N, C-alpha and C. Protein backbone atom coordinates (compact mmCIF):
# COMPACT_ATOMS: atom_id res chain seq x y z
N MET A 1 -17.67 28.45 -16.95
CA MET A 1 -17.74 28.10 -15.54
C MET A 1 -17.29 26.65 -15.28
N SER A 2 -17.70 25.72 -16.16
CA SER A 2 -17.36 24.32 -15.95
C SER A 2 -15.87 24.06 -16.10
N ARG A 3 -15.16 24.95 -16.81
CA ARG A 3 -13.72 24.74 -16.93
C ARG A 3 -12.99 24.98 -15.61
N PHE A 4 -13.63 25.67 -14.67
CA PHE A 4 -13.05 25.90 -13.34
C PHE A 4 -13.45 24.82 -12.34
N ILE A 5 -14.53 24.13 -12.62
CA ILE A 5 -15.04 23.12 -11.69
C ILE A 5 -14.08 21.93 -11.59
N TRP A 6 -13.63 21.38 -12.71
CA TRP A 6 -12.78 20.19 -12.67
C TRP A 6 -11.44 20.44 -11.98
N PRO A 7 -10.75 21.52 -12.25
CA PRO A 7 -9.53 21.78 -11.47
C PRO A 7 -9.81 21.94 -9.98
N LEU A 8 -10.93 22.57 -9.65
CA LEU A 8 -11.30 22.75 -8.24
C LEU A 8 -11.60 21.40 -7.58
N VAL A 9 -12.31 20.53 -8.28
CA VAL A 9 -12.60 19.19 -7.77
C VAL A 9 -11.29 18.43 -7.58
N GLY A 10 -10.40 18.51 -8.58
CA GLY A 10 -9.09 17.86 -8.47
C GLY A 10 -8.31 18.36 -7.27
N PHE A 11 -8.35 19.67 -7.05
CA PHE A 11 -7.66 20.26 -5.90
C PHE A 11 -8.19 19.69 -4.59
N PHE A 12 -9.51 19.61 -4.45
CA PHE A 12 -10.09 19.10 -3.20
C PHE A 12 -9.81 17.60 -3.00
N VAL A 13 -9.75 16.86 -4.09
CA VAL A 13 -9.40 15.44 -3.99
C VAL A 13 -7.96 15.31 -3.47
N LEU A 14 -7.04 16.11 -4.02
CA LEU A 14 -5.65 16.08 -3.56
C LEU A 14 -5.53 16.50 -2.10
N VAL A 15 -6.27 17.52 -1.70
CA VAL A 15 -6.26 17.96 -0.30
C VAL A 15 -6.80 16.85 0.59
N GLY A 16 -7.80 16.12 0.12
CA GLY A 16 -8.34 14.99 0.89
C GLY A 16 -7.30 13.90 1.09
N PHE A 17 -6.57 13.56 0.02
CA PHE A 17 -5.51 12.56 0.15
C PHE A 17 -4.42 13.03 1.10
N LEU A 18 -4.04 14.28 1.01
CA LEU A 18 -3.02 14.84 1.90
C LEU A 18 -3.50 14.78 3.34
N GLY A 19 -4.73 15.18 3.58
CA GLY A 19 -5.29 15.14 4.93
C GLY A 19 -5.29 13.74 5.51
N PHE A 20 -5.68 12.75 4.68
CA PHE A 20 -5.68 11.37 5.14
C PHE A 20 -4.25 10.91 5.43
N GLY A 21 -3.32 11.26 4.56
CA GLY A 21 -1.93 10.87 4.75
C GLY A 21 -1.34 11.41 6.03
N LEU A 22 -1.76 12.58 6.42
CA LEU A 22 -1.24 13.17 7.66
C LEU A 22 -1.74 12.47 8.91
N THR A 23 -2.81 11.69 8.79
CA THR A 23 -3.31 10.95 9.95
C THR A 23 -2.58 9.63 10.16
N LEU A 24 -1.83 9.18 9.16
CA LEU A 24 -1.11 7.91 9.26
C LEU A 24 0.13 8.06 10.12
N LYS A 25 0.53 6.97 10.78
CA LYS A 25 1.73 6.96 11.62
C LYS A 25 2.85 6.27 10.85
N PRO A 26 3.97 6.98 10.61
CA PRO A 26 5.05 6.35 9.83
C PRO A 26 5.67 5.16 10.54
N SER A 27 5.54 5.07 11.85
CA SER A 27 6.11 3.93 12.56
C SER A 27 5.25 2.68 12.43
N GLU A 28 4.09 2.80 11.78
CA GLU A 28 3.20 1.67 11.61
C GLU A 28 3.09 1.25 10.15
N VAL A 29 4.19 1.32 9.44
CA VAL A 29 4.22 0.86 8.05
C VAL A 29 4.10 -0.66 8.07
N PRO A 30 3.12 -1.22 7.38
CA PRO A 30 2.97 -2.68 7.41
C PRO A 30 4.17 -3.36 6.75
N SER A 31 4.57 -4.46 7.33
CA SER A 31 5.70 -5.20 6.78
C SER A 31 5.21 -6.49 6.15
N PRO A 32 5.65 -6.77 4.94
CA PRO A 32 5.27 -8.04 4.31
C PRO A 32 5.97 -9.24 4.96
N PHE A 33 6.90 -8.98 5.88
CA PHE A 33 7.66 -10.06 6.50
C PHE A 33 6.99 -10.62 7.76
N ILE A 34 5.96 -9.94 8.27
CA ILE A 34 5.29 -10.42 9.48
C ILE A 34 4.68 -11.80 9.19
N ASN A 35 4.92 -12.72 10.11
CA ASN A 35 4.45 -14.11 10.03
C ASN A 35 5.10 -14.90 8.89
N LYS A 36 6.25 -14.44 8.44
CA LYS A 36 7.03 -15.14 7.43
C LYS A 36 8.40 -15.48 8.03
N PRO A 37 9.05 -16.52 7.53
CA PRO A 37 10.38 -16.85 8.05
C PRO A 37 11.36 -15.68 7.85
N ALA A 38 12.15 -15.43 8.88
CA ALA A 38 13.16 -14.38 8.80
C ALA A 38 14.19 -14.77 7.75
N PRO A 39 14.58 -13.82 6.90
CA PRO A 39 15.60 -14.14 5.90
C PRO A 39 16.89 -14.63 6.56
N GLY A 40 17.48 -15.64 5.98
CA GLY A 40 18.73 -16.17 6.49
C GLY A 40 19.91 -15.32 6.03
N PHE A 41 20.97 -15.36 6.80
CA PHE A 41 22.20 -14.67 6.43
C PHE A 41 23.34 -15.23 7.25
N THR A 42 24.54 -14.97 6.81
CA THR A 42 25.74 -15.25 7.58
C THR A 42 26.61 -14.01 7.47
N LEU A 43 26.88 -13.38 8.60
CA LEU A 43 27.67 -12.15 8.62
C LEU A 43 28.77 -12.25 9.67
N PRO A 44 29.85 -11.50 9.48
CA PRO A 44 30.91 -11.48 10.50
C PRO A 44 30.44 -10.76 11.76
N GLN A 45 30.89 -11.27 12.89
CA GLN A 45 30.58 -10.60 14.15
C GLN A 45 31.38 -9.31 14.24
N LEU A 46 30.77 -8.31 14.83
CA LEU A 46 31.42 -7.01 14.94
C LEU A 46 32.69 -7.09 15.79
N ALA A 47 32.59 -7.74 16.94
CA ALA A 47 33.73 -7.80 17.86
C ALA A 47 34.78 -8.83 17.45
N ALA A 48 34.37 -9.81 16.66
CA ALA A 48 35.29 -10.87 16.23
C ALA A 48 35.04 -11.16 14.75
N PRO A 49 35.61 -10.34 13.86
CA PRO A 49 35.28 -10.46 12.44
C PRO A 49 35.61 -11.80 11.78
N ASP A 50 36.47 -12.62 12.40
CA ASP A 50 36.74 -13.93 11.80
C ASP A 50 35.69 -14.95 12.20
N GLU A 51 34.78 -14.57 13.11
CA GLU A 51 33.68 -15.45 13.49
C GLU A 51 32.40 -14.91 12.86
N THR A 52 31.51 -15.83 12.49
CA THR A 52 30.27 -15.42 11.84
C THR A 52 29.06 -15.74 12.72
N PHE A 53 27.94 -15.19 12.32
CA PHE A 53 26.67 -15.45 12.99
C PHE A 53 25.61 -15.67 11.92
N SER A 54 24.72 -16.60 12.20
CA SER A 54 23.56 -16.86 11.36
C SER A 54 22.35 -17.00 12.27
N PRO A 55 21.18 -16.53 11.86
CA PRO A 55 19.98 -16.66 12.70
C PRO A 55 19.65 -18.10 13.07
N GLU A 56 20.15 -19.06 12.33
CA GLU A 56 19.92 -20.47 12.66
C GLU A 56 20.37 -20.79 14.08
N VAL A 57 21.39 -20.09 14.56
CA VAL A 57 21.92 -20.29 15.90
C VAL A 57 20.86 -20.00 16.97
N MET A 58 19.91 -19.12 16.65
CA MET A 58 18.90 -18.69 17.61
C MET A 58 17.63 -19.54 17.58
N LYS A 59 17.58 -20.54 16.71
CA LYS A 59 16.39 -21.41 16.65
C LYS A 59 16.12 -21.98 18.04
N GLY A 60 14.84 -22.00 18.40
CA GLY A 60 14.45 -22.48 19.72
C GLY A 60 14.38 -21.37 20.76
N LYS A 61 14.74 -20.13 20.37
CA LYS A 61 14.69 -18.99 21.28
C LYS A 61 13.85 -17.88 20.65
N VAL A 62 13.18 -17.13 21.50
CA VAL A 62 12.53 -15.90 21.05
C VAL A 62 13.58 -14.82 21.23
N TRP A 63 13.80 -14.02 20.19
CA TRP A 63 14.87 -13.03 20.25
C TRP A 63 14.52 -11.80 19.42
N LEU A 64 15.30 -10.76 19.62
CA LEU A 64 15.13 -9.52 18.87
C LEU A 64 16.33 -9.30 17.97
N LEU A 65 16.06 -8.80 16.77
CA LEU A 65 17.11 -8.33 15.87
C LEU A 65 16.95 -6.82 15.83
N ASN A 66 17.95 -6.11 16.35
CA ASN A 66 17.90 -4.65 16.41
C ASN A 66 18.88 -4.08 15.39
N VAL A 67 18.35 -3.35 14.41
CA VAL A 67 19.17 -2.74 13.36
C VAL A 67 19.59 -1.36 13.86
N TRP A 68 20.91 -1.12 13.91
CA TRP A 68 21.43 0.12 14.49
C TRP A 68 22.71 0.55 13.76
N ALA A 69 23.13 1.77 14.04
CA ALA A 69 24.38 2.30 13.48
C ALA A 69 24.93 3.37 14.41
N SER A 70 26.24 3.53 14.40
CA SER A 70 26.88 4.53 15.26
C SER A 70 26.56 5.95 14.81
N TRP A 71 26.21 6.14 13.55
CA TRP A 71 25.91 7.46 13.01
C TRP A 71 24.45 7.85 13.19
N CYS A 72 23.66 6.99 13.83
CA CYS A 72 22.22 7.17 13.95
C CYS A 72 21.86 7.77 15.31
N TYR A 73 21.31 8.99 15.29
CA TYR A 73 20.93 9.65 16.54
C TYR A 73 19.80 8.92 17.25
N ALA A 74 18.80 8.45 16.50
CA ALA A 74 17.68 7.74 17.11
C ALA A 74 18.13 6.43 17.76
N CYS A 75 19.20 5.83 17.23
CA CYS A 75 19.74 4.60 17.83
C CYS A 75 20.28 4.90 19.23
N LEU A 76 20.92 6.04 19.36
CA LEU A 76 21.44 6.46 20.66
C LEU A 76 20.29 6.71 21.63
N GLU A 77 19.22 7.27 21.11
CA GLU A 77 18.03 7.54 21.92
C GLU A 77 17.40 6.25 22.44
N GLU A 78 17.33 5.21 21.61
CA GLU A 78 16.69 3.96 22.01
C GLU A 78 17.63 3.01 22.76
N HIS A 79 18.93 3.26 22.70
CA HIS A 79 19.91 2.31 23.23
C HIS A 79 19.69 1.96 24.71
N PRO A 80 19.38 2.91 25.59
CA PRO A 80 19.12 2.52 26.98
C PRO A 80 17.93 1.57 27.12
N VAL A 81 16.92 1.74 26.28
CA VAL A 81 15.74 0.86 26.34
C VAL A 81 16.12 -0.54 25.86
N ILE A 82 16.87 -0.61 24.78
CA ILE A 82 17.32 -1.91 24.24
C ILE A 82 18.21 -2.62 25.26
N THR A 83 19.12 -1.87 25.86
CA THR A 83 20.03 -2.45 26.86
C THR A 83 19.24 -2.96 28.06
N ASP A 84 18.23 -2.19 28.49
CA ASP A 84 17.40 -2.61 29.62
C ASP A 84 16.62 -3.89 29.29
N LEU A 85 16.08 -3.97 28.08
CA LEU A 85 15.38 -5.20 27.68
C LEU A 85 16.29 -6.41 27.79
N ALA A 86 17.53 -6.24 27.38
CA ALA A 86 18.48 -7.35 27.39
C ALA A 86 18.93 -7.69 28.80
N LYS A 87 19.30 -6.66 29.56
CA LYS A 87 19.93 -6.92 30.87
C LYS A 87 18.93 -7.20 31.98
N THR A 88 17.84 -6.44 32.07
CA THR A 88 16.92 -6.66 33.20
C THR A 88 15.75 -7.57 32.85
N GLN A 89 15.39 -7.63 31.57
CA GLN A 89 14.26 -8.47 31.17
C GLN A 89 14.70 -9.81 30.58
N GLY A 90 15.99 -9.96 30.33
CA GLY A 90 16.52 -11.22 29.82
C GLY A 90 16.16 -11.55 28.39
N VAL A 91 15.87 -10.53 27.60
CA VAL A 91 15.52 -10.76 26.19
C VAL A 91 16.81 -10.80 25.37
N PRO A 92 17.08 -11.91 24.68
CA PRO A 92 18.29 -11.97 23.85
C PRO A 92 18.13 -11.05 22.63
N ILE A 93 19.10 -10.17 22.44
CA ILE A 93 19.05 -9.21 21.34
C ILE A 93 20.34 -9.31 20.54
N VAL A 94 20.18 -9.49 19.23
CA VAL A 94 21.31 -9.49 18.32
C VAL A 94 21.27 -8.15 17.58
N GLY A 95 22.41 -7.47 17.54
CA GLY A 95 22.49 -6.20 16.83
C GLY A 95 22.91 -6.43 15.40
N LEU A 96 22.26 -5.73 14.49
CA LEU A 96 22.66 -5.73 13.09
C LEU A 96 23.20 -4.33 12.81
N ASN A 97 24.52 -4.20 12.83
CA ASN A 97 25.16 -2.91 12.61
C ASN A 97 25.10 -2.61 11.12
N TYR A 98 24.33 -1.58 10.77
CA TYR A 98 23.90 -1.32 9.39
C TYR A 98 24.69 -0.20 8.73
N LYS A 99 25.35 -0.53 7.62
CA LYS A 99 26.08 0.45 6.81
C LYS A 99 26.97 1.35 7.66
N ASP A 100 27.81 0.72 8.46
CA ASP A 100 28.62 1.44 9.42
C ASP A 100 30.09 1.03 9.28
N VAL A 101 30.95 1.82 9.87
CA VAL A 101 32.38 1.52 9.93
C VAL A 101 32.62 0.72 11.21
N ARG A 102 33.28 -0.41 11.10
CA ARG A 102 33.48 -1.32 12.23
C ARG A 102 34.07 -0.62 13.44
N ASP A 103 35.16 0.14 13.27
CA ASP A 103 35.80 0.80 14.42
C ASP A 103 34.87 1.81 15.09
N ALA A 104 34.09 2.53 14.29
CA ALA A 104 33.15 3.51 14.86
C ALA A 104 32.07 2.80 15.67
N ALA A 105 31.60 1.66 15.17
CA ALA A 105 30.57 0.90 15.87
C ALA A 105 31.10 0.34 17.19
N ILE A 106 32.31 -0.20 17.17
CA ILE A 106 32.90 -0.74 18.40
C ILE A 106 33.10 0.36 19.43
N THR A 107 33.61 1.51 19.00
CA THR A 107 33.79 2.65 19.90
C THR A 107 32.46 3.10 20.49
N TRP A 108 31.42 3.12 19.66
CA TRP A 108 30.09 3.52 20.11
C TRP A 108 29.58 2.58 21.20
N LEU A 109 29.74 1.27 21.00
CA LEU A 109 29.30 0.30 22.01
C LEU A 109 30.11 0.42 23.29
N GLU A 110 31.41 0.68 23.16
CA GLU A 110 32.24 0.87 24.36
C GLU A 110 31.79 2.09 25.14
N ARG A 111 31.42 3.14 24.45
CA ARG A 111 31.02 4.39 25.09
C ARG A 111 29.64 4.31 25.74
N TYR A 112 28.68 3.67 25.04
CA TYR A 112 27.28 3.69 25.51
C TYR A 112 26.79 2.39 26.12
N GLY A 113 27.63 1.37 26.13
CA GLY A 113 27.24 0.09 26.70
C GLY A 113 26.80 -0.89 25.63
N ASN A 114 26.89 -2.17 25.97
CA ASN A 114 26.58 -3.20 25.00
C ASN A 114 25.70 -4.26 25.64
N GLY A 115 24.42 -4.19 25.38
CA GLY A 115 23.48 -5.17 25.90
C GLY A 115 23.22 -6.31 24.93
N TYR A 116 23.85 -6.26 23.76
CA TYR A 116 23.61 -7.27 22.73
C TYR A 116 24.29 -8.60 23.09
N VAL A 117 23.65 -9.69 22.71
CA VAL A 117 24.29 -11.00 22.78
C VAL A 117 25.54 -10.92 21.92
N LEU A 118 25.37 -10.33 20.74
CA LEU A 118 26.46 -10.01 19.82
C LEU A 118 25.90 -9.09 18.76
N SER A 119 26.79 -8.45 18.04
CA SER A 119 26.40 -7.64 16.89
C SER A 119 27.11 -8.17 15.67
N VAL A 120 26.42 -8.10 14.54
CA VAL A 120 27.03 -8.48 13.27
C VAL A 120 27.16 -7.24 12.41
N SER A 121 28.07 -7.30 11.47
CA SER A 121 28.39 -6.15 10.64
C SER A 121 27.81 -6.31 9.23
N ASP A 122 26.87 -5.43 8.89
CA ASP A 122 26.25 -5.42 7.56
C ASP A 122 26.70 -4.14 6.85
N THR A 123 27.98 -4.08 6.50
CA THR A 123 28.55 -2.84 5.97
C THR A 123 27.93 -2.43 4.63
N GLN A 124 27.52 -3.37 3.82
CA GLN A 124 26.92 -3.06 2.52
C GLN A 124 25.41 -2.85 2.60
N GLY A 125 24.81 -3.24 3.71
CA GLY A 125 23.37 -3.08 3.87
C GLY A 125 22.52 -4.13 3.17
N ARG A 126 23.13 -5.21 2.72
CA ARG A 126 22.38 -6.22 1.97
C ARG A 126 21.39 -6.99 2.84
N VAL A 127 21.79 -7.32 4.06
CA VAL A 127 20.87 -8.02 4.96
C VAL A 127 19.73 -7.09 5.35
N GLY A 128 20.05 -5.83 5.58
CA GLY A 128 19.00 -4.85 5.86
C GLY A 128 17.97 -4.80 4.75
N ILE A 129 18.42 -4.86 3.52
CA ILE A 129 17.51 -4.87 2.37
C ILE A 129 16.65 -6.13 2.40
N ASP A 130 17.27 -7.28 2.71
CA ASP A 130 16.52 -8.54 2.78
C ASP A 130 15.42 -8.49 3.83
N TYR A 131 15.63 -7.72 4.89
CA TYR A 131 14.65 -7.58 5.97
C TYR A 131 13.68 -6.43 5.73
N GLY A 132 13.85 -5.72 4.64
CA GLY A 132 12.94 -4.61 4.34
C GLY A 132 13.16 -3.40 5.22
N VAL A 133 14.40 -3.18 5.63
CA VAL A 133 14.72 -2.05 6.51
C VAL A 133 14.54 -0.74 5.74
N TYR A 134 13.73 0.15 6.31
CA TYR A 134 13.51 1.48 5.72
C TYR A 134 14.58 2.46 6.17
N GLY A 135 15.06 2.27 7.38
CA GLY A 135 16.05 3.14 7.98
C GLY A 135 16.33 2.63 9.38
N VAL A 136 17.31 3.20 10.02
CA VAL A 136 17.65 2.74 11.37
C VAL A 136 17.12 3.75 12.38
N PRO A 137 16.76 3.29 13.54
CA PRO A 137 16.72 1.90 14.01
C PRO A 137 15.41 1.21 13.63
N GLU A 138 15.50 -0.08 13.55
CA GLU A 138 14.33 -0.95 13.40
C GLU A 138 14.59 -2.19 14.23
N THR A 139 13.52 -2.76 14.77
CA THR A 139 13.66 -3.91 15.65
C THR A 139 12.63 -4.97 15.25
N PHE A 140 13.09 -6.21 15.15
CA PHE A 140 12.24 -7.33 14.78
C PHE A 140 12.15 -8.31 15.95
N VAL A 141 10.95 -8.80 16.23
CA VAL A 141 10.76 -9.89 17.19
C VAL A 141 10.65 -11.16 16.37
N ILE A 142 11.53 -12.13 16.68
CA ILE A 142 11.59 -13.39 15.93
C ILE A 142 11.31 -14.54 16.90
N ASP A 143 10.39 -15.42 16.51
CA ASP A 143 9.97 -16.49 17.41
C ASP A 143 10.93 -17.69 17.37
N LYS A 144 10.58 -18.73 18.11
CA LYS A 144 11.43 -19.92 18.25
C LYS A 144 11.67 -20.66 16.94
N GLU A 145 10.73 -20.53 16.01
CA GLU A 145 10.87 -21.20 14.72
C GLU A 145 11.56 -20.33 13.68
N GLY A 146 11.95 -19.12 14.06
CA GLY A 146 12.62 -18.23 13.13
C GLY A 146 11.66 -17.40 12.27
N VAL A 147 10.45 -17.19 12.77
CA VAL A 147 9.44 -16.42 12.05
C VAL A 147 9.35 -15.01 12.65
N ILE A 148 9.32 -14.01 11.79
CA ILE A 148 9.18 -12.62 12.26
C ILE A 148 7.74 -12.41 12.72
N ARG A 149 7.58 -11.99 13.96
CA ARG A 149 6.25 -11.78 14.53
C ARG A 149 5.89 -10.30 14.71
N TYR A 150 6.90 -9.44 14.69
CA TYR A 150 6.64 -8.01 14.89
C TYR A 150 7.82 -7.21 14.36
N LYS A 151 7.52 -6.04 13.81
CA LYS A 151 8.56 -5.12 13.35
C LYS A 151 8.25 -3.75 13.92
N HIS A 152 9.23 -3.19 14.62
CA HIS A 152 9.09 -1.84 15.17
C HIS A 152 9.99 -0.91 14.36
N ILE A 153 9.39 0.08 13.74
CA ILE A 153 10.15 1.05 12.95
C ILE A 153 10.42 2.27 13.82
N GLY A 154 11.66 2.70 13.85
CA GLY A 154 12.04 3.85 14.66
C GLY A 154 12.56 3.40 16.01
N ALA A 155 12.86 4.39 16.84
CA ALA A 155 13.42 4.11 18.16
C ALA A 155 12.39 3.41 19.06
N VAL A 156 12.82 2.34 19.70
CA VAL A 156 11.98 1.65 20.67
C VAL A 156 11.93 2.51 21.93
N THR A 157 10.74 2.89 22.32
CA THR A 157 10.56 3.69 23.54
C THR A 157 10.27 2.75 24.70
N GLU A 158 10.34 3.30 25.91
CA GLU A 158 10.00 2.50 27.10
C GLU A 158 8.57 2.00 27.00
N THR A 159 7.68 2.85 26.50
CA THR A 159 6.27 2.46 26.36
C THR A 159 6.11 1.31 25.38
N ALA A 160 6.76 1.41 24.22
CA ALA A 160 6.67 0.33 23.22
C ALA A 160 7.28 -0.96 23.77
N ALA A 161 8.38 -0.85 24.48
CA ALA A 161 9.01 -2.04 25.06
C ALA A 161 8.09 -2.69 26.08
N ARG A 162 7.51 -1.87 26.95
CA ARG A 162 6.65 -2.37 28.04
C ARG A 162 5.31 -2.89 27.52
N ASP A 163 4.69 -2.15 26.59
CA ASP A 163 3.32 -2.47 26.19
C ASP A 163 3.19 -3.38 24.98
N ILE A 164 4.22 -3.43 24.14
CA ILE A 164 4.11 -4.23 22.91
C ILE A 164 5.16 -5.34 22.87
N ILE A 165 6.43 -4.97 22.92
CA ILE A 165 7.50 -5.93 22.67
C ILE A 165 7.61 -6.97 23.78
N LEU A 166 7.72 -6.53 25.02
CA LEU A 166 7.90 -7.48 26.12
C LEU A 166 6.71 -8.43 26.27
N PRO A 167 5.45 -7.96 26.23
CA PRO A 167 4.34 -8.93 26.28
C PRO A 167 4.35 -9.93 25.13
N LEU A 168 4.73 -9.48 23.93
CA LEU A 168 4.79 -10.39 22.79
C LEU A 168 5.89 -11.43 23.00
N VAL A 169 7.04 -11.00 23.47
CA VAL A 169 8.14 -11.94 23.73
C VAL A 169 7.70 -12.97 24.75
N ARG A 170 7.07 -12.53 25.84
CA ARG A 170 6.63 -13.46 26.90
C ARG A 170 5.59 -14.45 26.36
N GLU A 171 4.68 -13.95 25.52
CA GLU A 171 3.66 -14.82 24.91
C GLU A 171 4.31 -15.87 24.01
N LEU A 172 5.27 -15.45 23.22
CA LEU A 172 5.93 -16.37 22.29
C LEU A 172 6.82 -17.39 23.01
N GLU A 173 7.27 -17.04 24.21
CA GLU A 173 8.11 -17.96 24.98
C GLU A 173 7.31 -19.11 25.57
N GLN A 174 6.01 -18.99 25.63
CA GLN A 174 5.14 -20.03 26.22
C GLN A 174 5.18 -21.31 25.41
C-alpha cells in the first residue's frame, strides 16, 4: 500500500504547482531592470540608417522605449494605443524595431502610422537581449535620469495606458 502513497503524493504536489502556475499573469513577469539604469546602446535609425540614436539623447526627459516588429500581430494591436500616447498625450516614444527587415518595418509604419519620435533598428536583437526582452511587444518607461521605472510585457491596452503608464509618466515628469 505504501508504494502507491508516494507516487500519489508526488502527483498531488505537481497538480498543486500547476494550479498555482495557472493563477499567475504572464504579463507581470518581474524584471530585474526595474529601478536600474537602462542599458546603453547606439543603433542606426530606421528611417535614416546613416544616423544613430543613443538613449543618452533622452536624458532629462521621461520617455517610453517600445519594442516592436512588422511581423508581430500584437504590435499591430497595440499600435493605435502607442500612437495615441505619443500624439494626444505628448509622451515621447522611441521605437526599437526588433529582429526585423528594415524595408518591411518602414512599409509597416507608412501603412499604420508613425507616432514614434524615431525608431532604431535592432536587426540582430542584441539590444533587446540587453533589456531582457522576452518577446514583442514590450514597453519600458524610462525616467529623466535614464532609469527604467516600469516594464509592460505584451500589447499596451487603452486600460494599461490610462491606468498605469500615463499616471507614471506624469508622476515622473514632476
